[in-house]
């Protein structure tokens, strides 16, 4: 697919599959890496509606590190359990410390996504 334009939902799936095991990313971070920095809400729609279970949606949290609502998962504790099984500590308020568990993508990651998405 290199160099070929693709829709936003496809981009979300590709970026989310790159979130490392034991790390989380924010909706805004995913949107920015997809080339649409103002579309963080649309990232949520993509994860909730159109992407299959092969996308690690449990690794995506809001900009303050809070887990998403129960509607995105089978039950309200599922995202927490999945993250904790990867070693991510989730606080009592269902919040992940982004400074510790946040994915720090590199400039090389961002440039690779641009090339892959045909945004050069």
PDB file of N, CA and C in Angstrom:
ATOM      1  N   UNK A   1       0.796  -1.203   0.000  1.00  0.00           N
ATOM      2  CA  UNK A   1       0.000   0.000   0.000  1.00  0.00           C
ATOM      3  C   UNK A   1       0.838   1.266   0.000  1.00  0.00           C
ATOM      4  N   UNK A   2       2.110   1.162   0.028  1.00  0.00           N
ATOM      5  CA  UNK A   2       2.979   2.323   0.126  1.00  0.00           C
ATOM      6  C   UNK A   2       2.681   3.337  -0.965  1.00  0.00           C
ATOM      7  N   UNK A   3       2.568   4.614  -0.548  1.00  0.00           N
ATOM      8  CA  UNK A   3       2.359   5.684  -1.489  1.00  0.00           C
ATOM      9  C   UNK A   3       0.931   5.806  -1.984  1.00  0.00           C
ATOM     10  N   UNK A   4       0.021   4.958  -1.527  1.00  0.00           N
ATOM     11  CA  UNK A   4      -1.346   4.950  -1.989  1.00  0.00           C
ATOM     12  C   UNK A   4      -2.233   5.656  -0.962  1.00  0.00           C
ATOM     13  N   UNK A   5      -3.138   6.518  -1.425  1.00  0.00           N
ATOM     14  CA  UNK A   5      -4.063   7.198  -0.518  1.00  0.00           C
ATOM     15  C   UNK A   5      -5.013   6.173   0.083  1.00  0.00           C
ATOM     16  N   UNK A   6      -5.318   6.324   1.361  1.00  0.00           N
ATOM     17  CA  UNK A   6      -6.268   5.425   2.012  1.00  0.00           C
ATOM     18  C   UNK A   6      -7.158   6.232   2.930  1.00  0.00           C
ATOM     19  N   UNK A   7      -8.303   5.657   3.279  1.00  0.00           N
ATOM     20  CA  UNK A   7      -9.228   6.427   4.103  1.00  0.00           C
ATOM     21  C   UNK A   7      -8.766   6.483   5.559  1.00  0.00           C
ATOM     22  N   UNK A   8      -9.369   7.381   6.294  1.00  0.00           N
ATOM     23  CA  UNK A   8      -8.959   7.653   7.668  1.00  0.00           C
ATOM     24  C   UNK A   8      -9.079   6.420   8.555  1.00  0.00           C
ATOM     25  N   UNK A   9     -10.152   5.661   8.397  1.00  0.00           N
ATOM     26  CA  UNK A   9     -10.352   4.489   9.250  1.00  0.00           C
ATOM     27  C   UNK A   9      -9.254   3.445   9.017  1.00  0.00           C
ATOM     28  N   UNK A  10      -8.826   3.278   7.787  1.00  0.00           N
ATOM     29  CA  UNK A  10      -7.718   2.366   7.498  1.00  0.00           C
ATOM     30  C   UNK A  10      -6.439   2.856   8.188  1.00  0.00           C
ATOM     31  N   UNK A  11      -6.211   4.153   8.128  1.00  0.00           N
ATOM     32  CA  UNK A  11      -5.039   4.740   8.768  1.00  0.00           C
ATOM     33  C   UNK A  11      -5.063   4.485  10.274  1.00  0.00           C
ATOM     34  N   UNK A  12      -6.221   4.657  10.896  1.00  0.00           N
ATOM     35  CA  UNK A  12      -6.344   4.435  12.341  1.00  0.00           C
ATOM     36  C   UNK A  12      -5.933   3.004  12.681  1.00  0.00           C
ATOM     37  N   UNK A  13      -6.402   2.061  11.906  1.00  0.00           N
ATOM     38  CA  UNK A  13      -6.049   0.665  12.162  1.00  0.00           C
ATOM     39  C   UNK A  13      -4.554   0.425  12.074  1.00  0.00           C
ATOM     40  N   UNK A  14      -3.927   0.993  11.060  1.00  0.00           N
ATOM     41  CA  UNK A  14      -2.486   0.815  10.877  1.00  0.00           C
ATOM     42  C   UNK A  14      -1.704   1.427  12.034  1.00  0.00           C
ATOM     43  N   UNK A  15      -2.050   2.647  12.413  1.00  0.00           N
ATOM     44  CA  UNK A  15      -1.327   3.312  13.507  1.00  0.00           C
ATOM     45  C   UNK A  15      -1.543   2.571  14.819  1.00  0.00           C
ATOM     46  N   UNK A  16      -2.773   2.175  15.103  1.00  0.00           N
ATOM     47  CA  UNK A  16      -3.048   1.500  16.377  1.00  0.00           C
ATOM     48  C   UNK A  16      -2.326   0.162  16.494  1.00  0.00           C
ATOM     49  N   UNK A  17      -2.147  -0.511  15.374  1.00  0.00           N
ATOM     50  CA  UNK A  17      -1.408  -1.787  15.415  1.00  0.00           C
ATOM     51  C   UNK A  17       0.063  -1.581  15.761  1.00  0.00           C
ATOM     52  N   UNK A  18       0.549  -0.351  15.647  1.00  0.00           N
ATOM     53  CA  UNK A  18       1.946  -0.048  15.972  1.00  0.00           C
ATOM     54  C   UNK A  18       2.152   0.363  17.432  1.00  0.00           C
ATOM     55  N   UNK A  19       1.074   0.566  18.178  1.00  0.00           N
ATOM     56  CA  UNK A  19       1.230   0.922  19.595  1.00  0.00           C
ATOM     57  C   UNK A  19       1.883  -0.274  20.278  1.00  0.00           C
ATOM     58  N   UNK A  20       3.019  -0.076  20.907  1.00  0.00           N
ATOM     59  CA  UNK A  20       3.721  -1.214  21.512  1.00  0.00           C
ATOM     60  C   UNK A  20       2.945  -1.862  22.661  1.00  0.00           C
ATOM     61  N   UNK A  21       3.151  -3.134  22.812  1.00  0.00           N
ATOM     62  CA  UNK A  21       2.615  -3.888  23.945  1.00  0.00           C
ATOM     63  C   UNK A  21       3.052  -3.188  25.230  1.00  0.00           C
ATOM     64  N   UNK A  22       2.134  -2.999  26.162  1.00  0.00           N
ATOM     65  CA  UNK A  22       2.468  -2.368  27.438  1.00  0.00           C
ATOM     66  C   UNK A  22       2.498  -0.850  27.387  1.00  0.00           C
ATOM     67  N   UNK A  23       2.036  -0.258  26.296  1.00  0.00           N
ATOM     68  CA  UNK A  23       1.985   1.198  26.147  1.00  0.00           C
ATOM     69  C   UNK A  23       0.586   1.610  25.711  1.00  0.00           C
ATOM     70  N   UNK A  24       0.272   2.885  25.893  1.00  0.00           N
ATOM     71  CA  UNK A  24      -0.993   3.442  25.430  1.00  0.00           C
ATOM     72  C   UNK A  24      -0.712   4.675  24.580  1.00  0.00           C
ATOM     73  N   UNK A  25      -1.670   5.021  23.748  1.00  0.00           N
ATOM     74  CA  UNK A  25      -1.616   6.242  22.950  1.00  0.00           C
ATOM     75  C   UNK A  25      -2.936   6.972  23.148  1.00  0.00           C
ATOM     76  N   UNK A  26      -2.947   8.256  22.853  1.00  0.00           N
ATOM     77  CA  UNK A  26      -4.183   9.028  22.986  1.00  0.00           C
ATOM     78  C   UNK A  26      -4.886   9.115  21.633  1.00  0.00           C
ATOM     79  N   UNK A  27      -6.179   9.416  21.697  1.00  0.00           N
ATOM     80  CA  UNK A  27      -6.951   9.599  20.467  1.00  0.00           C
ATOM     81  C   UNK A  27      -6.324  10.690  19.604  1.00  0.00           C
ATOM     82  N   UNK A  28      -5.908  11.772  20.241  1.00  0.00           N
ATOM     83  CA  UNK A  28      -5.285  12.877  19.512  1.00  0.00           C
ATOM     84  C   UNK A  28      -3.969  12.488  18.877  1.00  0.00           C
ATOM     85  N   UNK A  29      -3.189  11.689  19.571  1.00  0.00           N
ATOM     86  CA  UNK A  29      -1.913  11.216  19.036  1.00  0.00           C
ATOM     87  C   UNK A  29      -2.148  10.368  17.784  1.00  0.00           C
ATOM     88  N   UNK A  30      -3.139   9.484  17.861  1.00  0.00           N
ATOM     89  CA  UNK A  30      -3.457   8.635  16.708  1.00  0.00           C
ATOM     90  C   UNK A  30      -3.917   9.502  15.538  1.00  0.00           C
ATOM     91  N   UNK A  31      -4.806  10.472  15.816  1.00  0.00           N
ATOM     92  CA  UNK A  31      -5.292  11.367  14.756  1.00  0.00           C
ATOM     93  C   UNK A  31      -4.141  12.113  14.092  1.00  0.00           C
ATOM     94  N   UNK A  32      -3.221  12.619  14.900  1.00  0.00           N
ATOM     95  CA  UNK A  32      -2.075  13.359  14.369  1.00  0.00           C
ATOM     96  C   UNK A  32      -1.206  12.456  13.493  1.00  0.00           C
ATOM     97  N   UNK A  33      -0.948  11.249  13.939  1.00  0.00           N
ATOM     98  CA  UNK A  33      -0.130  10.332  13.155  1.00  0.00           C
ATOM     99  C   UNK A  33      -0.842   9.889  11.870  1.00  0.00           C
ATOM    100  N   UNK A  34      -2.164   9.983  11.861  1.00  0.00           N
ATOM    101  CA  UNK A  34      -2.946   9.667  10.666  1.00  0.00           C
ATOM    102  C   UNK A  34      -3.015  10.852   9.703  1.00  0.00           C
ATOM    103  N   UNK A  35      -2.421  11.975  10.097  1.00  0.00           N
ATOM    104  CA  UNK A  35      -2.415  13.149   9.233  1.00  0.00           C
ATOM    105  C   UNK A  35      -3.628  14.047   9.385  1.00  0.00           C
ATOM    106  N   UNK A  36      -4.434  13.812  10.409  1.00  0.00           N
ATOM    107  CA  UNK A  36      -5.648  14.596  10.655  1.00  0.00           C
ATOM    108  C   UNK A  36      -5.696  14.994  12.131  1.00  0.00           C
ATOM    109  N   UNK A  37      -4.870  15.954  12.545  1.00  0.00           N
ATOM    110  CA  UNK A  37      -4.728  16.266  13.965  1.00  0.00           C
ATOM    111  C   UNK A  37      -6.011  16.740  14.667  1.00  0.00           C
ATOM    112  N   UNK A  38      -7.004  17.179  13.931  1.00  0.00           N
ATOM    113  CA  UNK A  38      -8.246  17.635  14.554  1.00  0.00           C
ATOM    114  C   UNK A  38      -9.326  16.557  14.602  1.00  0.00           C
ATOM    115  N   UNK A  39      -8.978  15.328  14.275  1.00  0.00           N
ATOM    116  CA  UNK A  39      -9.976  14.260  14.167  1.00  0.00           C
ATOM    117  C   UNK A  39      -9.897  13.227  15.284  1.00  0.00           C
ATOM    118  N   UNK A  40      -9.574  13.636  16.490  1.00  0.00           N
ATOM    119  CA  UNK A  40      -9.450  12.657  17.578  1.00  0.00           C
ATOM    120  C   UNK A  40     -10.777  11.959  17.870  1.00  0.00           C
ATOM    121  N   UNK A  41     -11.884  12.663  17.753  1.00  0.00           N
ATOM    122  CA  UNK A  41     -13.188  12.029  17.985  1.00  0.00           C
ATOM    123  C   UNK A  41     -13.455  10.960  16.919  1.00  0.00           C
ATOM    124  N   UNK A  42     -13.036  11.220  15.705  1.00  0.00           N
ATOM    125  CA  UNK A  42     -13.230  10.250  14.627  1.00  0.00           C
ATOM    126  C   UNK A  42     -12.394   8.987  14.867  1.00  0.00           C
ATOM    127  N   UNK A  43     -11.269   9.115  15.559  1.00  0.00           N
ATOM    128  CA  UNK A  43     -10.480   7.932  15.931  1.00  0.00           C
ATOM    129  C   UNK A  43     -11.343   7.018  16.790  1.00  0.00           C
ATOM    130  N   UNK A  44     -12.041   7.618  17.749  1.00  0.00           N
ATOM    131  CA  UNK A  44     -12.941   6.828  18.595  1.00  0.00           C
ATOM    132  C   UNK A  44     -14.012   6.121  17.792  1.00  0.00           C
ATOM    133  N   UNK A  45     -14.605   6.821  16.826  1.00  0.00           N
ATOM    134  CA  UNK A  45     -15.619   6.199  15.970  1.00  0.00           C
ATOM    135  C   UNK A  45     -15.029   5.022  15.212  1.00  0.00           C
ATOM    136  N   UNK A  46     -13.831   5.211  14.680  1.00  0.00           N
ATOM    137  CA  UNK A  46     -13.183   4.140  13.921  1.00  0.00           C
ATOM    138  C   UNK A  46     -12.950   2.920  14.797  1.00  0.00           C
ATOM    139  N   UNK A  47     -12.464   3.141  16.000  1.00  0.00           N
ATOM    140  CA  UNK A  47     -12.177   2.024  16.892  1.00  0.00           C
ATOM    141  C   UNK A  47     -13.454   1.335  17.355  1.00  0.00           C
ATOM    142  N   UNK A  48     -14.501   2.104  17.534  1.00  0.00           N
ATOM    143  CA  UNK A  48     -15.748   1.562  18.066  1.00  0.00           C
ATOM    144  C   UNK A  48     -16.610   0.886  17.010  1.00  0.00           C
ATOM    145  N   UNK A  49     -16.521   1.338  15.774  1.00  0.00           N
ATOM    146  CA  UNK A  49     -17.493   0.896  14.785  1.00  0.00           C
ATOM    147  C   UNK A  49     -16.952   0.062  13.635  1.00  0.00           C
ATOM    148  N   UNK A  50     -15.794   0.401  13.135  1.00  0.00           N
ATOM    149  CA  UNK A  50     -15.453  -0.212  11.850  1.00  0.00           C
ATOM    150  C   UNK A  50     -14.209  -1.070  11.836  1.00  0.00           C
ATOM    151  N   UNK A  51     -13.517  -1.162  12.929  1.00  0.00           N
ATOM    152  CA  UNK A  51     -12.288  -1.958  12.919  1.00  0.00           C
ATOM    153  C   UNK A  51     -12.493  -3.273  13.647  1.00  0.00           C
ATOM    154  N   UNK A  52     -11.876  -4.296  13.155  1.00  0.00           N
ATOM    155  CA  UNK A  52     -12.036  -5.624  13.744  1.00  0.00           C
ATOM    156  C   UNK A  52     -11.219  -5.785  15.015  1.00  0.00           C
ATOM    157  N   UNK A  53     -11.379  -6.916  15.651  1.00  0.00           N
ATOM    158  CA  UNK A  53     -10.689  -7.207  16.900  1.00  0.00           C
ATOM    159  C   UNK A  53      -9.182  -7.293  16.795  1.00  0.00           C
ATOM    160  N   UNK A  54      -8.645  -7.263  15.583  1.00  0.00           N
ATOM    161  CA  UNK A  54      -7.192  -7.346  15.425  1.00  0.00           C
ATOM    162  C   UNK A  54      -6.500  -6.025  15.765  1.00  0.00           C
ATOM    163  N   UNK A  55      -7.272  -4.980  15.965  1.00  0.00           N
ATOM    164  CA  UNK A  55      -6.720  -3.668  16.319  1.00  0.00           C
ATOM    165  C   UNK A  55      -6.746  -3.537  17.841  1.00  0.00           C
ATOM    166  N   UNK A  56      -5.607  -3.243  18.478  1.00  0.00           N
ATOM    167  CA  UNK A  56      -5.568  -3.157  19.947  1.00  0.00           C
ATOM    168  C   UNK A  56      -6.185  -1.849  20.468  1.00  0.00           C
ATOM    169  N   UNK A  57      -7.502  -1.736  20.314  1.00  0.00           N
ATOM    170  CA  UNK A  57      -8.219  -0.525  20.722  1.00  0.00           C
ATOM    171  C   UNK A  57      -8.088  -0.269  22.218  1.00  0.00           C
ATOM    172  N   UNK A  58      -7.839  -1.298  22.989  1.00  0.00           N
ATOM    173  CA  UNK A  58      -7.701  -1.122  24.441  1.00  0.00           C
ATOM    174  C   UNK A  58      -6.497  -0.264  24.806  1.00  0.00           C
ATOM    175  N   UNK A  59      -5.573  -0.083  23.881  1.00  0.00           N
ATOM    176  CA  UNK A  59      -4.372   0.721  24.137  1.00  0.00           C
ATOM    177  C   UNK A  59      -4.578   2.207  23.850  1.00  0.00           C
ATOM    178  N   UNK A  60      -5.793   2.617  23.550  1.00  0.00           N
ATOM    179  CA  UNK A  60      -6.074   4.022  23.244  1.00  0.00           C
ATOM    180  C   UNK A  60      -6.895   4.629  24.378  1.00  0.00           C
ATOM    181  N   UNK A  61      -6.401   5.752  24.897  1.00  0.00           N
ATOM    182  CA  UNK A  61      -7.030   6.445  26.023  1.00  0.00           C
ATOM    183  C   UNK A  61      -7.214   7.920  25.674  1.00  0.00           C
ATOM    184  N   UNK A  62      -7.925   8.653  26.541  1.00  0.00           N
ATOM    185  CA  UNK A  62      -8.106  10.078  26.221  1.00  0.00           C
ATOM    186  C   UNK A  62      -6.855  10.876  26.577  1.00  0.00           C
ATOM    187  N   UNK A  63      -6.884  12.165  26.299  1.00  0.00           N
ATOM    188  CA  UNK A  63      -5.683  13.009  26.430  1.00  0.00           C
ATOM    189  C   UNK A  63      -5.177  13.145  27.863  1.00  0.00           C
ATOM    190  N   UNK A  64      -5.987  12.766  28.836  1.00  0.00           N
ATOM    191  CA  UNK A  64      -5.546  12.797  30.236  1.00  0.00           C
ATOM    192  C   UNK A  64      -5.203  11.405  30.759  1.00  0.00           C
ATOM    193  N   UNK A  65      -5.330  10.404  29.911  1.00  0.00           N
ATOM    194  CA  UNK A  65      -5.005   9.046  30.307  1.00  0.00           C
ATOM    195  C   UNK A  65      -6.182   8.223  30.800  1.00  0.00           C
ATOM    196  N   UNK A  66      -7.390   8.788  30.753  1.00  0.00           N
ATOM    197  CA  UNK A  66      -8.570   8.054  31.217  1.00  0.00           C
ATOM    198  C   UNK A  66      -8.999   7.013  30.194  1.00  0.00           C
ATOM    199  N   UNK A  67      -9.448   5.874  30.711  1.00  0.00           N
ATOM    200  CA  UNK A  67      -9.929   4.811  29.848  1.00  0.00           C
ATOM    201  C   UNK A  67     -11.243   5.221  29.202  1.00  0.00           C
ATOM    202  N   UNK A  68     -11.559   4.581  28.087  1.00  0.00           N
ATOM    203  CA  UNK A  68     -12.814   4.900  27.404  1.00  0.00           C
ATOM    204  C   UNK A  68     -13.987   4.281  28.153  1.00  0.00           C
ATOM    205  N   UNK A  69     -15.174   4.675  27.770  1.00  0.00           N
ATOM    206  CA  UNK A  69     -16.381   4.171  28.427  1.00  0.00           C
ATOM    207  C   UNK A  69     -16.650   2.719  28.126  1.00  0.00           C
ATOM    208  N   UNK A  70     -17.553   2.151  28.861  1.00  0.00           N
ATOM    209  CA  UNK A  70     -17.885   0.735  28.738  1.00  0.00           C
ATOM    210  C   UNK A  70     -18.465   0.384  27.374  1.00  0.00           C
ATOM    211  N   UNK A  71     -19.035   1.342  26.663  1.00  0.00           N
ATOM    212  CA  UNK A  71     -19.670   1.038  25.382  1.00  0.00           C
ATOM    213  C   UNK A  71     -18.676   0.523  24.344  1.00  0.00           C
ATOM    214  N   UNK A  72     -17.406   0.844  24.508  1.00  0.00           N
ATOM    215  CA  UNK A  72     -16.395   0.406  23.550  1.00  0.00           C
ATOM    216  C   UNK A  72     -15.971  -1.043  23.776  1.00  0.00           C
ATOM    217  N   UNK A  73     -16.288  -1.600  24.925  1.00  0.00           N
ATOM    218  CA  UNK A  73     -15.865  -2.953  25.282  1.00  0.00           C
ATOM    219  C   UNK A  73     -17.050  -3.743  25.811  1.00  0.00           C
ATOM    220  N   UNK A  74     -16.875  -5.023  25.992  1.00  0.00           N
ATOM    221  CA  UNK A  74     -17.976  -5.877  26.443  1.00  0.00           C
ATOM    222  C   UNK A  74     -18.502  -5.481  27.818  1.00  0.00           C
ATOM    223  N   UNK A  75     -17.618  -5.059  28.690  1.00  0.00           N
ATOM    224  CA  UNK A  75     -18.044  -4.591  30.004  1.00  0.00           C
ATOM    225  C   UNK A  75     -17.107  -3.486  30.467  1.00  0.00           C
ATOM    226  N   UNK A  76     -17.484  -2.796  31.518  1.00  0.00           N
ATOM    227  CA  UNK A  76     -16.748  -1.604  31.948  1.00  0.00           C
ATOM    228  C   UNK A  76     -15.321  -1.882  32.408  1.00  0.00           C
ATOM    229  N   UNK A  77     -15.011  -3.098  32.816  1.00  0.00           N
ATOM    230  CA  UNK A  77     -13.664  -3.406  33.291  1.00  0.00           C
ATOM    231  C   UNK A  77     -12.754  -4.063  32.282  1.00  0.00           C
ATOM    232  N   UNK A  78     -13.266  -4.330  31.100  1.00  0.00           N
ATOM    233  CA  UNK A  78     -12.486  -5.087  30.123  1.00  0.00           C
ATOM    234  C   UNK A  78     -11.216  -4.356  29.677  1.00  0.00           C
ATOM    235  N   UNK A  79     -11.315  -3.074  29.341  1.00  0.00           N
ATOM    236  CA  UNK A  79     -10.140  -2.333  28.899  1.00  0.00           C
ATOM    237  C   UNK A  79      -9.093  -2.332  29.995  1.00  0.00           C
ATOM    238  N   UNK A  80      -9.522  -2.116  31.221  1.00  0.00           N
ATOM    239  CA  UNK A  80      -8.597  -2.118  32.355  1.00  0.00           C
ATOM    240  C   UNK A  80      -7.886  -3.463  32.471  1.00  0.00           C
ATOM    241  N   UNK A  81      -8.636  -4.548  32.412  1.00  0.00           N
ATOM    242  CA  UNK A  81      -8.041  -5.887  32.542  1.00  0.00           C
ATOM    243  C   UNK A  81      -7.044  -6.157  31.416  1.00  0.00           C
ATOM    244  N   UNK A  82      -7.411  -5.749  30.198  1.00  0.00           N
ATOM    245  CA  UNK A  82      -6.517  -5.978  29.065  1.00  0.00           C
ATOM    246  C   UNK A  82      -5.217  -5.199  29.219  1.00  0.00           C
ATOM    247  N   UNK A  83      -5.308  -3.943  29.662  1.00  0.00           N
ATOM    248  CA  UNK A  83      -4.099  -3.148  29.870  1.00  0.00           C
ATOM    249  C   UNK A  83      -3.252  -3.718  31.002  1.00  0.00           C
ATOM    250  N   UNK A  84      -3.890  -4.072  32.096  1.00  0.00           N
ATOM    251  CA  UNK A  84      -3.146  -4.619  33.232  1.00  0.00           C
ATOM    252  C   UNK A  84      -2.476  -5.935  32.876  1.00  0.00           C
ATOM    253  N   UNK A  85      -3.087  -6.718  31.984  1.00  0.00           N
ATOM    254  CA  UNK A  85      -2.454  -7.975  31.561  1.00  0.00           C
ATOM    255  C   UNK A  85      -1.175  -7.723  30.770  1.00  0.00           C
ATOM    256  N   UNK A  86      -1.021  -6.481  30.251  1.00  0.00           N
ATOM    257  CA  UNK A  86       0.192  -6.088  29.524  1.00  0.00           C
ATOM    258  C   UNK A  86       1.176  -5.349  30.427  1.00  0.00           C
ATOM    259  N   UNK A  87       0.840  -5.232  31.716  1.00  0.00           N
ATOM    260  CA  UNK A  87       1.735  -4.562  32.644  1.00  0.00           C
ATOM    261  C   UNK A  87       1.476  -3.073  32.811  1.00  0.00           C
ATOM    262  N   UNK A  88       0.423  -2.545  32.174  1.00  0.00           N
ATOM    263  CA  UNK A  88       0.072  -1.134  32.306  1.00  0.00           C
ATOM    264  C   UNK A  88      -0.699  -0.954  33.608  1.00  0.00           C
ATOM    265  N   UNK A  89      -0.220  -0.065  34.455  1.00  0.00           N
ATOM    266  CA  UNK A  89      -0.907   0.197  35.721  1.00  0.00           C
ATOM    267  C   UNK A  89      -2.026   1.203  35.488  1.00  0.00           C
ATOM    268  N   UNK A  90      -3.220   0.837  35.939  1.00  0.00           N
ATOM    269  CA  UNK A  90      -4.386   1.702  35.820  1.00  0.00           C
ATOM    270  C   UNK A  90      -4.796   2.104  37.227  1.00  0.00           C
ATOM    271  N   UNK A  91      -4.867   3.412  37.473  1.00  0.00           N
ATOM    272  CA  UNK A  91      -5.200   3.919  38.798  1.00  0.00           C
ATOM    273  C   UNK A  91      -6.656   3.706  39.172  1.00  0.00           C
ATOM    274  N   UNK A  92      -6.977   4.060  40.412  1.00  0.00           N
ATOM    275  CA  UNK A  92      -8.337   3.877  40.926  1.00  0.00           C
ATOM    276  C   UNK A  92      -9.377   4.639  40.119  1.00  0.00           C
ATOM    277  N   UNK A  93      -8.991   5.733  39.512  1.00  0.00           N
ATOM    278  CA  UNK A  93      -9.929   6.535  38.716  1.00  0.00           C
ATOM    279  C   UNK A  93      -9.957   6.091  37.257  1.00  0.00           C
ATOM    280  N   UNK A  94      -9.501   4.864  36.979  1.00  0.00           N
ATOM    281  CA  UNK A  94      -9.410   4.346  35.606  1.00  0.00           C
ATOM    282  C   UNK A  94      -8.562   5.245  34.724  1.00  0.00           C
ATOM    283  N   UNK A  95      -7.419   5.610  35.258  1.00  0.00           N
ATOM    284  CA  UNK A  95      -6.511   6.506  34.550  1.00  0.00           C
ATOM    285  C   UNK A  95      -5.123   5.898  34.487  1.00  0.00           C
ATOM    286  N   UNK A  96      -4.495   6.039  33.330  1.00  0.00           N
ATOM    287  CA  UNK A  96      -3.130   5.567  33.095  1.00  0.00           C
ATOM    288  C   UNK A  96      -2.205   6.772  33.140  1.00  0.00           C
ATOM    289  N   UNK A  97      -1.067   6.623  33.779  1.00  0.00           N
ATOM    290  CA  UNK A  97      -0.074   7.693  33.828  1.00  0.00           C
ATOM    291  C   UNK A  97       0.658   7.728  32.483  1.00  0.00           C
ATOM    292  N   UNK A  98       0.342   8.739  31.684  1.00  0.00           N
ATOM    293  CA  UNK A  98       0.909   8.822  30.337  1.00  0.00           C
ATOM    294  C   UNK A  98       2.416   9.022  30.333  1.00  0.00           C
ATOM    295  N   UNK A  99       2.947   9.678  31.352  1.00  0.00           N
ATOM    296  CA  UNK A  99       4.401   9.882  31.404  1.00  0.00           C
ATOM    297  C   UNK A  99       5.144   8.561  31.565  1.00  0.00           C
ATOM    298  N   UNK A 100       4.469   7.576  32.123  1.00  0.00           N
ATOM    299  CA  UNK A 100       5.092   6.269  32.343  1.00  0.00           C
ATOM    300  C   UNK A 100       4.734   5.288  31.230  1.00  0.00           C
ATOM    301  N   UNK A 101       3.445   5.226  30.869  1.00  0.00           N
ATOM    302  CA  UNK A 101       2.965   4.191  29.951  1.00  0.00           C
ATOM    303  C   UNK A 101       2.579   4.718  28.570  1.00  0.00           C
ATOM    304  N   UNK A 102       2.758   6.008  28.331  1.00  0.00           N
ATOM    305  CA  UNK A 102       2.420   6.569  27.025  1.00  0.00           C
ATOM    306  C   UNK A 102       3.429   6.180  25.953  1.00  0.00           C
ATOM    307  N   UNK A 103       2.934   5.922  24.769  1.00  0.00           N
ATOM    308  CA  UNK A 103       3.778   5.598  23.619  1.00  0.00           C
ATOM    309  C   UNK A 103       4.453   6.868  23.141  1.00  0.00           C
ATOM    310  N   UNK A 104       5.751   6.866  23.145  1.00  0.00           N
ATOM    311  CA  UNK A 104       6.527   7.994  22.647  1.00  0.00           C
ATOM    312  C   UNK A 104       7.010   7.657  21.244  1.00  0.00           C
ATOM    313  N   UNK A 105       6.130   7.920  20.290  1.00  0.00           N
ATOM    314  CA  UNK A 105       6.525   7.629  18.907  1.00  0.00           C
ATOM    315  C   UNK A 105       7.659   8.570  18.511  1.00  0.00           C
ATOM    316  N   UNK A 106       8.388   8.168  17.514  1.00  0.00           N
ATOM    317  CA  UNK A 106       9.542   8.945  17.069  1.00  0.00           C
ATOM    318  C   UNK A 106       9.197   9.734  15.801  1.00  0.00           C
ATOM    319  N   UNK A 107      10.077  10.645  15.452  1.00  0.00           N
ATOM    320  CA  UNK A 107       9.937  11.368  14.190  1.00  0.00           C
ATOM    321  C   UNK A 107       9.978  10.376  13.027  1.00  0.00           C
ATOM    322  N   UNK A 108      10.806   9.371  13.151  1.00  0.00           N
ATOM    323  CA  UNK A 108      10.890   8.349  12.109  1.00  0.00           C
ATOM    324  C   UNK A 108       9.555   7.623  11.948  1.00  0.00           C
ATOM    325  N   UNK A 109       8.867   7.350  13.073  1.00  0.00           N
ATOM    326  CA  UNK A 109       7.538   6.732  12.998  1.00  0.00           C
ATOM    327  C   UNK A 109       6.593   7.623  12.197  1.00  0.00           C
ATOM    328  N   UNK A 110       6.561   8.914  12.548  1.00  0.00           N
ATOM    329  CA  UNK A 110       5.661   9.859  11.893  1.00  0.00           C
ATOM    330  C   UNK A 110       5.953   9.958  10.401  1.00  0.00           C
ATOM    331  N   UNK A 111       7.224  10.008  10.038  1.00  0.00           N
ATOM    332  CA  UNK A 111       7.595  10.096   8.626  1.00  0.00           C
ATOM    333  C   UNK A 111       7.244   8.815   7.876  1.00  0.00           C
ATOM    334  N   UNK A 112       7.410   7.682   8.539  1.00  0.00           N
ATOM    335  CA  UNK A 112       7.045   6.406   7.919  1.00  0.00           C
ATOM    336  C   UNK A 112       5.540   6.359   7.636  1.00  0.00           C
ATOM    337  N   UNK A 113       4.727   6.829   8.578  1.00  0.00           N
ATOM    338  CA  UNK A 113       3.275   6.861   8.357  1.00  0.00           C
ATOM    339  C   UNK A 113       2.936   7.781   7.189  1.00  0.00           C
ATOM    340  N   UNK A 114       3.582   8.934   7.114  1.00  0.00           N
ATOM    341  CA  UNK A 114       3.325   9.871   5.994  1.00  0.00           C
ATOM    342  C   UNK A 114       3.612   9.206   4.660  1.00  0.00           C
ATOM    343  N   UNK A 115       4.737   8.497   4.587  1.00  0.00           N
ATOM    344  CA  UNK A 115       5.090   7.800   3.340  1.00  0.00           C
ATOM    345  C   UNK A 115       4.059   6.708   3.034  1.00  0.00           C
ATOM    346  N   UNK A 116       3.721   5.934   4.049  1.00  0.00           N
ATOM    347  CA  UNK A 116       2.777   4.839   3.888  1.00  0.00           C
ATOM    348  C   UNK A 116       1.406   5.337   3.433  1.00  0.00           C
ATOM    349  N   UNK A 117       0.992   6.475   3.973  1.00  0.00           N
ATOM    350  CA  UNK A 117      -0.336   7.025   3.665  1.00  0.00           C
ATOM    351  C   UNK A 117      -0.346   7.870   2.405  1.00  0.00           C
ATOM    352  N   UNK A 118       0.813   8.050   1.769  1.00  0.00           N
ATOM    353  CA  UNK A 118       0.877   8.833   0.551  1.00  0.00           C
ATOM    354  C   UNK A 118       0.754  10.317   0.772  1.00  0.00           C
ATOM    355  N   UNK A 119       1.178  10.785   1.958  1.00  0.00           N
ATOM    356  CA  UNK A 119       1.070  12.194   2.325  1.00  0.00           C
ATOM    357  C   UNK A 119       2.385  12.947   2.169  1.00  0.00           C
ATOM    358  N   UNK A 120       3.308  12.433   1.414  1.00  0.00           N
ATOM    359  CA  UNK A 120       4.617  13.070   1.282  1.00  0.00           C
ATOM    360  C   UNK A 120       4.534  14.402   0.599  1.00  0.00           C
TER     361      UNK A 120
END
